[in-house]
Amino acid sequence: MTLSPRTAPAFIAQVVTPLAWRFAVVLAAASTLAVAWTISPMRSEPVVHASGAGTSILAEAAAGAVTPAAKLSYPAIAEHPLFYPSRSPWIAPPPPPPKPVSAATNSLTGYAVIGVITSGSARSALIRPPGAKKTITMAEGQELDGWKLQEITRAGLRFGAGDASYEMKFLKPSETRR
């Protein structure tokens, strides 16, 4: 269909006018709903109804008998949980006791004392890990494989872990490797 200056008023009367009225009705309905939702917000909390025999829920709501669920308390249910077979409250088990480190599981047996350095009150020890060519320098109070270096003496080192202790002595010249 081609529009000419003569046919344009007829086209507007036949097609555009009925669509404009429908658009206006839909727009009015949408604005009415938007106003209704902003004026009265919906309730977000659940409501528990304790209806008695012969009373309606609307009558109870008007009388104030409707209670929000968050205000109810059930201590008897909390004391005797429904899904535990013993029906007693859950109590956390005590934490396991720390495993003591024993000398039998000592991880320091492969280490070797290479030397001790003393300078005034400062003491350091040079230790070689098993299978390594580099040495480790340690001071008193530092840890090595879960063992704390407690004392550095001229004769060797004393490590402690819990109740266990381990003495690391200097190697004999025949035991050192080059």
Protein backbone atom coordinates (compact mmCIF):
# COMPACT_ATOMS: atom_id res chain seq x y z
CA MET A 1 0.00 0.00 0.00
CA THR A 2 1.46 3.33 -1.00
CA LEU A 3 0.62 6.46 0.90
CA SER A 4 -0.28 9.59 -0.87
CA PRO A 5 -1.54 12.87 0.56
CA ARG A 6 -5.07 11.71 -0.20
CA THR A 7 -4.84 8.26 1.41
CA ALA A 8 -2.85 9.25 4.53
CA PRO A 9 -5.89 10.40 6.60
CA ALA A 10 -7.69 7.17 5.83
CA PHE A 11 -4.63 5.11 6.83
CA ILE A 12 -4.35 6.98 10.13
CA ALA A 13 -8.05 6.49 10.82
CA GLN A 14 -7.96 2.75 10.04
CA VAL A 15 -4.60 1.58 11.54
CA VAL A 16 -2.91 4.07 13.82
CA THR A 17 -5.88 5.29 15.88
CA PRO A 18 -6.97 1.82 17.21
CA LEU A 19 -3.32 0.98 18.06
CA ALA A 20 -2.87 4.29 19.88
CA TRP A 21 -5.90 3.60 22.07
CA ARG A 22 -4.62 0.11 22.94
CA PHE A 23 -1.19 1.52 23.79
CA ALA A 24 -2.78 4.16 26.05
CA VAL A 25 -4.81 1.51 27.91
CA VAL A 26 -1.73 -0.72 28.49
CA LEU A 27 0.31 2.27 29.66
CA ALA A 28 -2.42 3.32 32.13
CA ALA A 29 -2.66 -0.24 33.55
CA ALA A 30 1.14 -0.48 33.97
CA SER A 31 1.35 2.85 35.77
CA THR A 32 -1.54 1.85 38.07
CA LEU A 33 0.29 -1.36 39.04
CA ALA A 34 3.54 0.52 39.64
CA VAL A 35 1.81 2.97 41.97
CA ALA A 36 0.03 0.15 43.83
CA TRP A 37 3.31 -1.72 44.43
CA THR A 38 5.13 1.35 45.72
CA ILE A 39 2.34 2.42 48.06
CA SER A 40 1.75 -0.94 49.80
CA PRO A 41 4.93 -3.08 49.87
CA MET A 42 4.48 -6.84 50.08
CA ARG A 43 5.18 -8.60 53.34
CA SER A 44 8.54 -10.39 53.34
CA GLU A 45 8.30 -12.30 56.63
CA PRO A 46 6.20 -15.45 57.05
CA VAL A 47 3.13 -15.27 59.25
CA VAL A 48 2.02 -18.09 61.54
CA HIS A 49 -1.71 -18.41 62.05
CA ALA A 50 -3.03 -19.95 65.23
CA SER A 51 -6.67 -20.15 64.25
CA GLY A 52 -9.22 -21.35 66.75
CA ALA A 53 -12.40 -23.18 65.91
CA GLY A 54 -14.98 -20.97 64.29
CA THR A 55 -12.78 -17.91 63.80
CA SER A 56 -11.55 -16.63 60.51
CA ILE A 57 -7.97 -15.69 59.75
CA LEU A 58 -9.03 -12.14 58.85
CA ALA A 59 -10.71 -11.71 62.25
CA GLU A 60 -7.60 -12.97 64.02
CA ALA A 61 -5.39 -10.61 62.00
CA ALA A 62 -7.61 -7.69 62.96
CA ALA A 63 -7.45 -8.73 66.63
CA GLY A 64 -3.63 -8.99 66.54
CA ALA A 65 -3.43 -12.79 66.93
CA VAL A 66 -1.13 -13.15 63.92
CA THR A 67 2.49 -13.57 65.08
CA PRO A 68 5.63 -13.30 62.96
CA ALA A 69 7.51 -16.61 62.86
CA ALA A 70 10.81 -15.02 63.96
CA LYS A 71 9.41 -14.16 67.40
CA LEU A 72 8.51 -17.77 68.29
CA SER A 73 10.91 -19.79 70.45
CA TYR A 74 11.02 -23.56 70.90
CA PRO A 75 13.59 -24.43 73.60
CA ALA A 76 12.24 -27.97 74.09
CA ILE A 77 12.84 -28.78 70.43
CA ALA A 78 16.35 -27.33 70.59
CA GLU A 79 17.13 -29.42 73.70
CA HIS A 80 15.89 -32.65 72.08
CA PRO A 81 16.65 -32.53 68.34
CA LEU A 82 14.31 -34.53 66.17
CA PHE A 83 16.87 -36.18 63.89
CA TYR A 84 19.39 -37.40 66.50
CA PRO A 85 18.69 -40.97 67.63
CA SER A 86 19.63 -40.17 71.23
CA ARG A 87 17.44 -37.02 71.15
CA SER A 88 20.14 -35.15 73.07
CA PRO A 89 21.90 -31.98 71.91
CA TRP A 90 25.06 -32.37 69.85
CA ILE A 91 28.24 -31.83 71.79
CA ALA A 92 31.51 -31.36 69.95
CA PRO A 93 34.05 -34.10 70.65
CA PRO A 94 37.21 -33.05 72.46
CA PRO A 95 40.15 -32.29 70.20
CA PRO A 96 42.61 -35.14 69.84
CA PRO A 97 45.69 -34.84 72.03
CA PRO A 98 48.84 -33.73 70.20
CA LYS A 99 50.99 -36.64 69.16
CA PRO A 100 54.26 -36.61 71.05
CA VAL A 101 57.36 -36.81 68.93
CA SER A 102 59.39 -39.77 70.05
CA ALA A 103 63.04 -40.50 69.54
CA ALA A 104 62.07 -43.59 67.50
CA THR A 105 60.50 -41.35 64.84
CA ASN A 106 63.40 -38.92 64.89
CA SER A 107 63.97 -37.25 61.54
CA LEU A 108 67.30 -35.74 62.60
CA THR A 109 69.34 -38.97 62.56
CA GLY A 110 70.69 -38.29 59.06
CA TYR A 111 71.90 -34.75 59.84
CA ALA A 112 75.54 -34.13 60.76
CA VAL A 113 77.09 -31.35 62.86
CA ILE A 114 79.83 -29.72 60.80
CA GLY A 115 80.82 -26.97 63.20
CA VAL A 116 79.88 -24.60 66.01
CA ILE A 117 80.51 -20.85 65.98
CA THR A 118 80.59 -18.90 69.23
CA SER A 119 81.16 -15.18 69.48
CA GLY A 120 80.43 -13.71 72.88
CA SER A 121 76.85 -14.69 73.73
CA ALA A 122 75.90 -15.46 70.11
CA ARG A 123 76.09 -19.12 69.07
CA SER A 124 75.46 -20.73 65.70
CA ALA A 125 75.74 -24.27 64.39
CA LEU A 126 76.56 -25.56 60.92
CA ILE A 127 74.52 -28.66 60.05
CA ARG A 128 74.60 -30.80 56.89
CA PRO A 129 71.28 -32.41 55.80
CA PRO A 130 71.38 -36.04 54.68
CA GLY A 131 72.45 -36.42 51.05
CA ALA A 132 73.15 -32.69 50.59
CA LYS A 133 76.41 -30.86 49.98
CA LYS A 134 75.28 -27.48 51.37
CA THR A 135 75.17 -26.71 55.09
CA ILE A 136 72.47 -25.07 57.17
CA THR A 137 73.31 -22.35 59.70
CA MET A 138 71.08 -22.42 62.80
CA ALA A 139 70.84 -20.40 65.99
CA GLU A 140 69.34 -21.44 69.33
CA GLY A 141 65.53 -21.38 69.24
CA GLN A 142 65.16 -22.18 65.53
CA GLU A 143 63.30 -25.30 64.34
CA LEU A 144 64.44 -28.10 62.05
CA ASP A 145 61.93 -30.79 60.96
CA GLY A 146 59.71 -30.11 64.00
CA TRP A 147 62.62 -30.14 66.47
CA LYS A 148 63.65 -26.96 68.26
CA LEU A 149 67.36 -26.28 68.74
CA GLN A 150 67.56 -25.76 72.50
CA GLU A 151 71.29 -25.61 73.20
CA ILE A 152 74.56 -25.28 71.29
CA THR A 153 77.69 -26.51 73.08
CA ARG A 154 81.27 -27.33 72.06
CA ALA A 155 80.41 -31.04 72.17
CA GLY A 156 77.30 -30.87 69.98
CA LEU A 157 73.66 -29.77 69.76
CA ARG A 158 70.58 -30.56 71.83
CA PHE A 159 67.16 -30.56 70.11
CA GLY A 160 63.76 -30.89 71.78
CA ALA A 161 60.26 -31.70 70.57
CA GLY A 162 57.59 -31.98 73.25
CA ASP A 163 58.92 -34.32 75.96
CA ALA A 164 61.52 -35.90 73.67
CA SER A 165 65.07 -34.67 73.25
CA TYR A 166 67.85 -35.56 70.84
CA GLU A 167 71.59 -35.00 71.19
CA MET A 168 73.49 -34.44 67.95
CA LYS A 169 77.25 -34.92 68.46
CA PHE A 170 80.16 -34.04 66.20
CA LEU A 171 81.11 -36.74 63.74
CA LYS A 172 84.39 -38.52 64.21
CA PRO A 173 86.98 -37.75 61.55
CA SER A 174 86.58 -41.26 60.17
CA GLU A 175 82.79 -40.70 59.69
CA THR A 176 83.08 -37.46 57.73
CA ARG A 177 82.91 -37.62 53.99
CA ARG A 178 84.82 -35.44 51.65
